[in-house]
Structures are given as structure tokens and as C-alpha cells.
Amino acid sequence: MTCSASPPPNWATFACSSTPPPPRPLWCCAARHRYLADIKHIDHELLATIGHMTAHLKVGICRAADWEHAILTGYAAWRQLRKQNGGTAHLDLDQRTLTVIQD
């Protein structure tokens, strides 16, 4: 598995590729890159792999942009929960937001 996160000056990207995909490819790469802190984009190949892996499920209708948003939002919330040593996560599916509140 190879991973890279070399952001250009004004934005960040995250790339992770492997053949065949190992178990938990996203988590393995994210752990090596501060759990996607300062990452604004996920590599298209990884998003395509997620699309292929979920094509037979209800979530198979999700676009790559949907997956990218969900992954980056989820990791941001997870990092905040970890930093605060816990809290409450509020998910609004209509607004597509995930907010963390310290208890």
C-alpha cells in the first residue's frame, strides 16, 4: 500500500492506492496522515474503490463527492471527539452536517 499527502500551497489532497485493496484501506492511510487533518480532497482512485466496494448496497447510489464529504466530515468529528476526550455528535442528514458538542 502506498500513501501520499503532499499538498500544493493553497489546498490539501489525500491519496491512497493499493492493489488489491487491503482491509480498512482508508483507516490505514488516514492514521499515517494525522487522521486527515488539513486534508481537503481524497484521491479519486480511493473514492472509486469505495464506489466499487459498495455498488451492491443501498449506498451504492452515492457519488464520489458524497463519499469525500462524508469521510472528511466524519474524520473531522472524530478528531474533535478525541481531542475533547468525548462529547456528543449531532448529525443533520438534511443539512449534511455533523456537529460535535463537548459534554
Protein backbone atom coordinates (compact mmCIF):
# COMPACT_ATOMS: atom_id res chain seq x y z
CA MET A 1 0.00 0.00 0.00
CA THR A 2 1.32 3.43 -0.84
CA CYS A 3 0.00 6.68 0.54
CA SER A 4 0.84 10.27 -0.11
CA ALA A 5 -0.28 13.61 1.20
CA SER A 6 1.77 16.36 -0.39
CA PRO A 7 -0.48 19.42 -0.58
CA PRO A 8 0.04 22.26 -3.05
CA PRO A 9 0.33 25.72 -1.44
CA ASN A 10 -3.39 26.53 -1.06
CA TRP A 11 -5.10 23.16 -0.66
CA ALA A 12 -4.51 19.64 0.55
CA THR A 13 -5.13 16.27 -1.01
CA PHE A 14 -5.02 12.73 0.24
CA ALA A 15 -4.10 9.78 -1.93
CA CYS A 16 -4.04 6.13 -1.01
CA SER A 17 -3.70 3.33 -3.51
CA SER A 18 -3.12 -0.39 -3.38
CA THR A 19 -3.83 -3.46 -5.47
CA PRO A 20 -5.86 -5.30 -4.34
CA PRO A 21 -7.46 -3.10 -1.67
CA PRO A 22 -6.44 -4.31 1.78
CA PRO A 23 -8.86 -4.37 4.72
CA ARG A 24 -9.60 -0.88 6.04
CA PRO A 25 -7.53 0.96 3.39
CA LEU A 26 -8.83 4.37 4.40
CA TRP A 27 -8.17 3.92 8.10
CA CYS A 28 -4.64 2.62 7.49
CA CYS A 29 -3.68 5.60 5.37
CA ALA A 30 -5.55 8.14 7.49
CA ALA A 31 -3.70 7.00 10.60
CA ARG A 32 -0.41 7.85 8.91
CA HIS A 33 -1.66 11.32 7.95
CA ARG A 34 -2.96 12.67 11.25
CA TYR A 35 -6.40 11.22 10.53
CA LEU A 36 -6.85 13.51 7.53
CA ALA A 37 -6.21 16.75 9.40
CA ASP A 38 -5.65 19.58 6.87
CA ILE A 39 -6.76 17.31 4.02
CA LYS A 40 -9.39 18.82 1.71
CA HIS A 41 -9.56 16.23 -1.09
CA ILE A 42 -9.37 12.45 -1.27
CA ASP A 43 -7.74 10.71 -4.21
CA HIS A 44 -10.18 9.69 -6.97
CA GLU A 45 -8.82 6.12 -7.08
CA LEU A 46 -9.69 5.58 -3.42
CA LEU A 47 -13.16 7.04 -3.92
CA ALA A 48 -13.65 4.81 -6.97
CA THR A 49 -12.61 1.78 -4.90
CA ILE A 50 -15.18 2.71 -2.26
CA GLY A 51 -17.78 3.04 -5.01
CA HIS A 52 -16.96 -0.43 -6.33
CA MET A 53 -16.99 -1.96 -2.86
CA THR A 54 -20.42 -0.51 -2.09
CA ALA A 55 -22.07 -0.80 -5.52
CA HIS A 56 -24.29 -3.70 -4.40
CA LEU A 57 -25.52 -1.85 -1.30
CA LYS A 58 -28.09 0.94 -0.88
CA VAL A 59 -25.25 3.43 -0.52
CA GLY A 60 -24.06 2.39 -3.99
CA ILE A 61 -26.00 5.37 -5.36
CA CYS A 62 -23.63 7.81 -3.62
CA ARG A 63 -21.33 9.88 -5.81
CA ALA A 64 -17.59 10.21 -5.17
CA ALA A 65 -18.22 13.75 -3.90
CA ASP A 66 -20.71 12.36 -1.37
CA TRP A 67 -18.15 9.86 -0.10
CA GLU A 68 -15.44 12.51 0.08
CA HIS A 69 -17.70 14.82 2.09
CA ALA A 70 -18.77 12.01 4.43
CA ILE A 71 -15.21 10.80 5.03
CA LEU A 72 -13.73 14.24 5.66
CA THR A 73 -16.65 15.30 7.86
CA GLY A 74 -16.52 12.07 9.83
CA TYR A 75 -12.79 12.28 10.45
CA ALA A 76 -13.09 15.95 11.50
CA ALA A 77 -15.74 14.99 14.06
CA TRP A 78 -13.69 12.02 15.25
CA ARG A 79 -10.58 14.19 15.72
CA GLN A 80 -12.63 16.71 17.72
CA LEU A 81 -14.18 14.00 19.91
CA ARG A 82 -10.74 12.56 20.53
CA LYS A 83 -9.23 15.98 21.34
CA GLN A 84 -12.08 16.77 23.77
CA ASN A 85 -11.92 13.29 25.29
CA GLY A 86 -15.54 12.67 24.28
CA GLY A 87 -18.68 14.62 23.57
CA THR A 88 -21.91 14.36 21.65
CA ALA A 89 -22.16 14.20 17.88
CA HIS A 90 -25.26 15.68 16.23
CA LEU A 91 -25.98 14.52 12.67
CA ASP A 92 -28.35 16.50 10.43
CA LEU A 93 -28.96 14.46 7.28
CA ASP A 94 -30.98 17.24 5.61
CA GLN A 95 -28.22 19.84 6.05
CA ARG A 96 -25.44 17.25 5.66
CA THR A 97 -23.71 18.42 8.84
CA LEU A 98 -22.07 16.64 11.74
CA THR A 99 -21.53 18.82 14.81
CA VAL A 100 -19.63 17.83 17.92
CA ILE A 101 -20.56 19.35 21.27
CA GLN A 102 -18.45 18.94 24.37
CA ASP A 103 -20.38 17.37 27.26
